[in-house]
């Protein structure tokens, strides 16, 4: 058990923070390996999110200690190599987690600012339980499905087109036709089916 983990971020010394970031980096990388490469997570999503949040809070308090290989600089994981690689037309970024009501309040404030809405403008929000799944990008050219790729590291993912074509709810063709590729991004609860097909 990491004894530093029991110390609140606000109470960490700089030396303790540095040691904790190194420890968190190793632990998070191992959990990423188990989840992405082995499809065998050893902790719950909530436990993983708690590690990532602690890492983020320490980096916020000690920004000069942020390491190049920090989790905060990574999106997803390096493609595992079981599938051919696919480069995304545009980077697939990751969403951030909200743990407290203030996180949602800050998000809505940023939305209003970006959309140039009044400070008190109502923004409808839908919430649902977190479902484990696989983020992917599906590309249609002239209405025909030509590529499906996992998020991977956000720039390069794994080409899982053949696997996706076996899922009846994913259309092989769409009626909308245009010259430029149309990219659809979605999250599926079919992670195990896709990886094992």
C-alpha atoms as a PDB file:
ATOM      1  CA  UNK A   1       0.000   0.000   0.000  1.00  0.00           C
ATOM      2  CA  UNK A   2       1.343   3.402  -0.955  1.00  0.00           C
ATOM      3  CA  UNK A   3       1.492   5.455   2.261  1.00  0.00           C
ATOM      4  CA  UNK A   4       1.598   8.714   0.294  1.00  0.00           C
ATOM      5  CA  UNK A   5      -1.886   7.911  -1.022  1.00  0.00           C
ATOM      6  CA  UNK A   6      -3.322   8.584   2.434  1.00  0.00           C
ATOM      7  CA  UNK A   7      -1.950  12.161   2.457  1.00  0.00           C
ATOM      8  CA  UNK A   8      -4.255  14.849   1.056  1.00  0.00           C
ATOM      9  CA  UNK A   9      -2.850  16.535  -2.060  1.00  0.00           C
ATOM     10  CA  UNK A  10      -2.906  19.900  -0.243  1.00  0.00           C
ATOM     11  CA  UNK A  11      -0.606  18.460   2.463  1.00  0.00           C
ATOM     12  CA  UNK A  12       2.001  16.842   0.190  1.00  0.00           C
ATOM     13  CA  UNK A  13       5.509  18.263   0.189  1.00  0.00           C
ATOM     14  CA  UNK A  14       7.161  18.794  -3.180  1.00  0.00           C
ATOM     15  CA  UNK A  15       9.340  15.699  -2.660  1.00  0.00           C
ATOM     16  CA  UNK A  16       6.280  13.598  -1.701  1.00  0.00           C
ATOM     17  CA  UNK A  17       4.372  14.909  -4.721  1.00  0.00           C
ATOM     18  CA  UNK A  18       7.237  13.920  -7.028  1.00  0.00           C
ATOM     19  CA  UNK A  19       7.358  10.413  -5.543  1.00  0.00           C
ATOM     20  CA  UNK A  20       3.577  10.090  -5.755  1.00  0.00           C
ATOM     21  CA  UNK A  21       3.506  11.149  -9.422  1.00  0.00           C
ATOM     22  CA  UNK A  22       6.107   8.491 -10.259  1.00  0.00           C
ATOM     23  CA  UNK A  23       4.094   5.880  -8.360  1.00  0.00           C
ATOM     24  CA  UNK A  24       0.810   6.918  -9.975  1.00  0.00           C
ATOM     25  CA  UNK A  25       2.393   6.854 -13.429  1.00  0.00           C
ATOM     26  CA  UNK A  26       3.542   3.234 -12.969  1.00  0.00           C
ATOM     27  CA  UNK A  27       0.218   2.158 -11.495  1.00  0.00           C
ATOM     28  CA  UNK A  28      -1.900   3.868 -14.160  1.00  0.00           C
ATOM     29  CA  UNK A  29       0.267   2.495 -16.984  1.00  0.00           C
ATOM     30  CA  UNK A  30      -0.142  -1.029 -15.613  1.00  0.00           C
ATOM     31  CA  UNK A  31      -3.923  -0.603 -15.363  1.00  0.00           C
ATOM     32  CA  UNK A  32      -3.960   0.791 -18.928  1.00  0.00           C
ATOM     33  CA  UNK A  33      -2.011  -2.265 -20.124  1.00  0.00           C
ATOM     34  CA  UNK A  34      -4.408  -4.656 -18.392  1.00  0.00           C
ATOM     35  CA  UNK A  35      -7.480  -2.825 -19.715  1.00  0.00           C
ATOM     36  CA  UNK A  36      -6.446  -2.005 -23.280  1.00  0.00           C
ATOM     37  CA  UNK A  37      -3.970  -4.758 -24.171  1.00  0.00           C
ATOM     38  CA  UNK A  38      -5.191  -7.722 -22.105  1.00  0.00           C
ATOM     39  CA  UNK A  39      -8.905  -6.814 -21.901  1.00  0.00           C
ATOM     40  CA  UNK A  40      -8.610  -7.841 -18.224  1.00  0.00           C
ATOM     41  CA  UNK A  41      -9.032  -4.808 -15.917  1.00  0.00           C
ATOM     42  CA  UNK A  42      -8.066  -5.449 -12.296  1.00  0.00           C
ATOM     43  CA  UNK A  43      -9.831  -2.425 -10.746  1.00  0.00           C
ATOM     44  CA  UNK A  44     -13.194  -0.731 -11.239  1.00  0.00           C
ATOM     45  CA  UNK A  45     -13.662   2.370 -13.404  1.00  0.00           C
ATOM     46  CA  UNK A  46     -14.297   4.381 -10.229  1.00  0.00           C
ATOM     47  CA  UNK A  47     -10.974   3.253  -8.713  1.00  0.00           C
ATOM     48  CA  UNK A  48      -9.137   4.054 -11.946  1.00  0.00           C
ATOM     49  CA  UNK A  49     -10.810   7.475 -12.151  1.00  0.00           C
ATOM     50  CA  UNK A  50      -9.733   8.170  -8.548  1.00  0.00           C
ATOM     51  CA  UNK A  51      -6.082   7.468  -9.474  1.00  0.00           C
ATOM     52  CA  UNK A  52      -6.341   9.703 -12.547  1.00  0.00           C
ATOM     53  CA  UNK A  53      -7.993  12.476 -10.511  1.00  0.00           C
ATOM     54  CA  UNK A  54      -5.273  12.352  -7.844  1.00  0.00           C
ATOM     55  CA  UNK A  55      -2.617  12.551 -10.568  1.00  0.00           C
ATOM     56  CA  UNK A  56      -4.395  15.572 -12.076  1.00  0.00           C
ATOM     57  CA  UNK A  57      -4.744  17.333  -8.710  1.00  0.00           C
ATOM     58  CA  UNK A  58      -1.057  16.834  -7.855  1.00  0.00           C
ATOM     59  CA  UNK A  59      -0.029  18.174 -11.276  1.00  0.00           C
ATOM     60  CA  UNK A  60      -2.311  21.173 -10.795  1.00  0.00           C
ATOM     61  CA  UNK A  61      -0.680  21.964  -7.443  1.00  0.00           C
ATOM     62  CA  UNK A  62       2.873  21.246  -8.670  1.00  0.00           C
ATOM     63  CA  UNK A  63       2.838  22.022 -12.431  1.00  0.00           C
ATOM     64  CA  UNK A  64       6.637  22.087 -12.593  1.00  0.00           C
ATOM     65  CA  UNK A  65       6.631  18.361 -11.691  1.00  0.00           C
ATOM     66  CA  UNK A  66       4.535  17.292 -14.692  1.00  0.00           C
ATOM     67  CA  UNK A  67       6.381  14.537 -16.534  1.00  0.00           C
ATOM     68  CA  UNK A  68       6.467  14.201 -20.341  1.00  0.00           C
ATOM     69  CA  UNK A  69       4.899  10.742 -20.117  1.00  0.00           C
ATOM     70  CA  UNK A  70       2.172  11.945 -17.728  1.00  0.00           C
ATOM     71  CA  UNK A  71      -1.310  10.472 -18.111  1.00  0.00           C
ATOM     72  CA  UNK A  72      -2.611  14.016 -18.543  1.00  0.00           C
ATOM     73  CA  UNK A  73      -0.734  14.165 -21.882  1.00  0.00           C
ATOM     74  CA  UNK A  74      -2.167  10.881 -23.170  1.00  0.00           C
ATOM     75  CA  UNK A  75      -5.525   9.998 -24.666  1.00  0.00           C
ATOM     76  CA  UNK A  76      -6.418   6.321 -24.617  1.00  0.00           C
ATOM     77  CA  UNK A  77      -3.594   3.909 -25.235  1.00  0.00           C
ATOM     78  CA  UNK A  78      -1.070   2.895 -27.865  1.00  0.00           C
ATOM     79  CA  UNK A  79      -2.635   0.444 -30.324  1.00  0.00           C
ATOM     80  CA  UNK A  80      -1.983  -3.113 -29.132  1.00  0.00           C
ATOM     81  CA  UNK A  81      -0.838  -4.579 -32.441  1.00  0.00           C
ATOM     82  CA  UNK A  82      -3.491  -7.297 -32.819  1.00  0.00           C
ATOM     83  CA  UNK A  83      -5.060  -5.232 -35.605  1.00  0.00           C
ATOM     84  CA  UNK A  84      -3.555  -3.108 -38.398  1.00  0.00           C
ATOM     85  CA  UNK A  85      -3.037   0.554 -37.505  1.00  0.00           C
ATOM     86  CA  UNK A  86      -5.318   3.310 -38.783  1.00  0.00           C
ATOM     87  CA  UNK A  87      -4.616   7.045 -38.692  1.00  0.00           C
ATOM     88  CA  UNK A  88      -7.621   9.225 -37.839  1.00  0.00           C
ATOM     89  CA  UNK A  89      -8.692  11.971 -40.266  1.00  0.00           C
ATOM     90  CA  UNK A  90      -8.937  14.273 -37.224  1.00  0.00           C
ATOM     91  CA  UNK A  91      -7.646  13.486 -33.711  1.00  0.00           C
ATOM     92  CA  UNK A  92     -10.083  11.659 -31.430  1.00  0.00           C
ATOM     93  CA  UNK A  93      -9.941  13.489 -28.140  1.00  0.00           C
ATOM     94  CA  UNK A  94     -11.101  12.213 -24.787  1.00  0.00           C
ATOM     95  CA  UNK A  95     -13.885  13.521 -22.563  1.00  0.00           C
ATOM     96  CA  UNK A  96     -13.144  14.601 -19.010  1.00  0.00           C
ATOM     97  CA  UNK A  97     -14.857  13.149 -15.945  1.00  0.00           C
ATOM     98  CA  UNK A  98     -17.089  15.089 -13.561  1.00  0.00           C
ATOM     99  CA  UNK A  99     -16.946  13.964  -9.945  1.00  0.00           C
ATOM    100  CA  UNK A 100     -18.702  16.855  -8.204  1.00  0.00           C
ATOM    101  CA  UNK A 101     -21.543  19.246  -8.957  1.00  0.00           C
ATOM    102  CA  UNK A 102     -18.985  22.073  -9.270  1.00  0.00           C
ATOM    103  CA  UNK A 103     -17.319  20.179 -12.169  1.00  0.00           C
ATOM    104  CA  UNK A 104     -20.636  20.243 -14.040  1.00  0.00           C
ATOM    105  CA  UNK A 105     -21.191  23.912 -13.156  1.00  0.00           C
ATOM    106  CA  UNK A 106     -17.753  24.838 -14.569  1.00  0.00           C
ATOM    107  CA  UNK A 107     -18.464  22.801 -17.710  1.00  0.00           C
ATOM    108  CA  UNK A 108     -21.768  24.604 -18.296  1.00  0.00           C
ATOM    109  CA  UNK A 109     -20.077  27.973 -17.724  1.00  0.00           C
ATOM    110  CA  UNK A 110     -17.484  27.090 -20.413  1.00  0.00           C
ATOM    111  CA  UNK A 111     -20.310  25.993 -22.752  1.00  0.00           C
ATOM    112  CA  UNK A 112     -22.158  29.307 -22.296  1.00  0.00           C
ATOM    113  CA  UNK A 113     -18.952  31.244 -22.936  1.00  0.00           C
ATOM    114  CA  UNK A 114     -18.117  29.228 -26.071  1.00  0.00           C
ATOM    115  CA  UNK A 115     -21.677  29.529 -27.387  1.00  0.00           C
ATOM    116  CA  UNK A 116     -21.793  33.227 -26.427  1.00  0.00           C
ATOM    117  CA  UNK A 117     -24.900  32.731 -24.264  1.00  0.00           C
ATOM    118  CA  UNK A 118     -25.999  34.822 -21.303  1.00  0.00           C
ATOM    119  CA  UNK A 119     -24.572  33.779 -17.944  1.00  0.00           C
ATOM    120  CA  UNK A 120     -27.878  32.322 -16.725  1.00  0.00           C
ATOM    121  CA  UNK A 121     -28.975  30.772 -20.044  1.00  0.00           C
ATOM    122  CA  UNK A 122     -30.525  27.321 -19.646  1.00  0.00           C
ATOM    123  CA  UNK A 123     -28.567  24.466 -21.234  1.00  0.00           C
ATOM    124  CA  UNK A 124     -30.435  21.144 -21.319  1.00  0.00           C
ATOM    125  CA  UNK A 125     -28.316  18.257 -20.025  1.00  0.00           C
ATOM    126  CA  UNK A 126     -28.817  14.513 -20.218  1.00  0.00           C
ATOM    127  CA  UNK A 127     -26.987  12.178 -17.835  1.00  0.00           C
ATOM    128  CA  UNK A 128     -26.735   8.423 -17.866  1.00  0.00           C
ATOM    129  CA  UNK A 129     -24.735   5.791 -16.010  1.00  0.00           C
ATOM    130  CA  UNK A 130     -21.238   5.212 -17.340  1.00  0.00           C
ATOM    131  CA  UNK A 131     -21.145   2.167 -19.576  1.00  0.00           C
ATOM    132  CA  UNK A 132     -17.861   0.494 -20.358  1.00  0.00           C
ATOM    133  CA  UNK A 133     -17.332   0.481 -24.061  1.00  0.00           C
ATOM    134  CA  UNK A 134     -15.092   1.162 -26.980  1.00  0.00           C
ATOM    135  CA  UNK A 135     -14.721   4.565 -28.602  1.00  0.00           C
ATOM    136  CA  UNK A 136     -14.383   4.357 -32.325  1.00  0.00           C
ATOM    137  CA  UNK A 137     -14.428   6.405 -35.469  1.00  0.00           C
ATOM    138  CA  UNK A 138     -16.359   5.122 -38.492  1.00  0.00           C
ATOM    139  CA  UNK A 139     -15.641   6.688 -41.874  1.00  0.00           C
ATOM    140  CA  UNK A 140     -18.145   6.598 -44.753  1.00  0.00           C
ATOM    141  CA  UNK A 141     -17.109   7.638 -48.279  1.00  0.00           C
ATOM    142  CA  UNK A 142     -19.931   8.324 -50.733  1.00  0.00           C
ATOM    143  CA  UNK A 143     -22.267   6.665 -48.234  1.00  0.00           C
ATOM    144  CA  UNK A 144     -20.274   3.416 -47.913  1.00  0.00           C
ATOM    145  CA  UNK A 145     -18.526   2.270 -44.717  1.00  0.00           C
ATOM    146  CA  UNK A 146     -14.812   2.177 -45.547  1.00  0.00           C
ATOM    147  CA  UNK A 147     -13.084   2.230 -42.164  1.00  0.00           C
ATOM    148  CA  UNK A 148     -13.738   1.735 -38.468  1.00  0.00           C
ATOM    149  CA  UNK A 149     -10.927   2.482 -36.036  1.00  0.00           C
ATOM    150  CA  UNK A 150     -10.515   2.493 -32.260  1.00  0.00           C
ATOM    151  CA  UNK A 151      -9.405   5.693 -30.516  1.00  0.00           C
ATOM    152  CA  UNK A 152      -5.947   4.304 -29.729  1.00  0.00           C
ATOM    153  CA  UNK A 153      -3.740   7.229 -28.720  1.00  0.00           C
ATOM    154  CA  UNK A 154      -6.055   9.741 -30.384  1.00  0.00           C
ATOM    155  CA  UNK A 155      -3.952  10.020 -33.559  1.00  0.00           C
ATOM    156  CA  UNK A 156      -3.543   6.353 -34.480  1.00  0.00           C
ATOM    157  CA  UNK A 157      -5.934   3.559 -33.584  1.00  0.00           C
ATOM    158  CA  UNK A 158      -6.561  -0.006 -34.662  1.00  0.00           C
ATOM    159  CA  UNK A 159      -8.403  -0.788 -37.872  1.00  0.00           C
ATOM    160  CA  UNK A 160     -11.381  -2.929 -36.793  1.00  0.00           C
ATOM    161  CA  UNK A 161     -13.429  -2.469 -39.977  1.00  0.00           C
ATOM    162  CA  UNK A 162     -14.014  -6.211 -40.565  1.00  0.00           C
ATOM    163  CA  UNK A 163     -15.182  -6.655 -36.965  1.00  0.00           C
ATOM    164  CA  UNK A 164     -17.541  -3.674 -37.084  1.00  0.00           C
ATOM    165  CA  UNK A 165     -19.102  -4.939 -40.324  1.00  0.00           C
ATOM    166  CA  UNK A 166     -20.336  -8.009 -38.394  1.00  0.00           C
ATOM    167  CA  UNK A 167     -22.510  -5.852 -36.100  1.00  0.00           C
ATOM    168  CA  UNK A 168     -26.018  -5.605 -37.591  1.00  0.00           C
ATOM    169  CA  UNK A 169     -26.808  -2.222 -35.992  1.00  0.00           C
ATOM    170  CA  UNK A 170     -23.883  -0.534 -37.800  1.00  0.00           C
ATOM    171  CA  UNK A 171     -25.052   0.349 -41.333  1.00  0.00           C
ATOM    172  CA  UNK A 172     -22.809  -0.749 -44.211  1.00  0.00           C
ATOM    173  CA  UNK A 173     -24.212   2.134 -46.251  1.00  0.00           C
ATOM    174  CA  UNK A 174     -25.962   5.381 -45.411  1.00  0.00           C
ATOM    175  CA  UNK A 175     -28.222   7.366 -47.775  1.00  0.00           C
ATOM    176  CA  UNK A 176     -26.280  10.604 -47.310  1.00  0.00           C
ATOM    177  CA  UNK A 177     -23.720  11.053 -50.098  1.00  0.00           C
ATOM    178  CA  UNK A 178     -21.011  13.661 -50.413  1.00  0.00           C
ATOM    179  CA  UNK A 179     -17.533  13.800 -51.914  1.00  0.00           C
ATOM    180  CA  UNK A 180     -15.612  14.338 -48.661  1.00  0.00           C
ATOM    181  CA  UNK A 181     -15.476  11.474 -46.121  1.00  0.00           C
ATOM    182  CA  UNK A 182     -18.158  11.562 -43.430  1.00  0.00           C
ATOM    183  CA  UNK A 183     -16.815  10.547 -40.023  1.00  0.00           C
ATOM    184  CA  UNK A 184     -19.086   9.187 -37.292  1.00  0.00           C
ATOM    185  CA  UNK A 185     -17.784   8.856 -33.748  1.00  0.00           C
ATOM    186  CA  UNK A 186     -19.535   6.691 -31.230  1.00  0.00           C
ATOM    187  CA  UNK A 187     -19.110   4.564 -28.148  1.00  0.00           C
ATOM    188  CA  UNK A 188     -20.277   0.993 -28.125  1.00  0.00           C
ATOM    189  CA  UNK A 189     -20.877  -1.407 -25.269  1.00  0.00           C
ATOM    190  CA  UNK A 190     -19.679  -4.142 -27.604  1.00  0.00           C
ATOM    191  CA  UNK A 191     -15.984  -3.953 -26.594  1.00  0.00           C
ATOM    192  CA  UNK A 192     -15.612  -7.673 -25.909  1.00  0.00           C
ATOM    193  CA  UNK A 193     -17.480  -8.686 -29.085  1.00  0.00           C
ATOM    194  CA  UNK A 194     -15.321  -6.435 -31.268  1.00  0.00           C
ATOM    195  CA  UNK A 195     -12.021  -7.557 -29.749  1.00  0.00           C
ATOM    196  CA  UNK A 196     -12.913 -11.244 -29.847  1.00  0.00           C
ATOM    197  CA  UNK A 197     -14.558 -11.366 -33.296  1.00  0.00           C
END
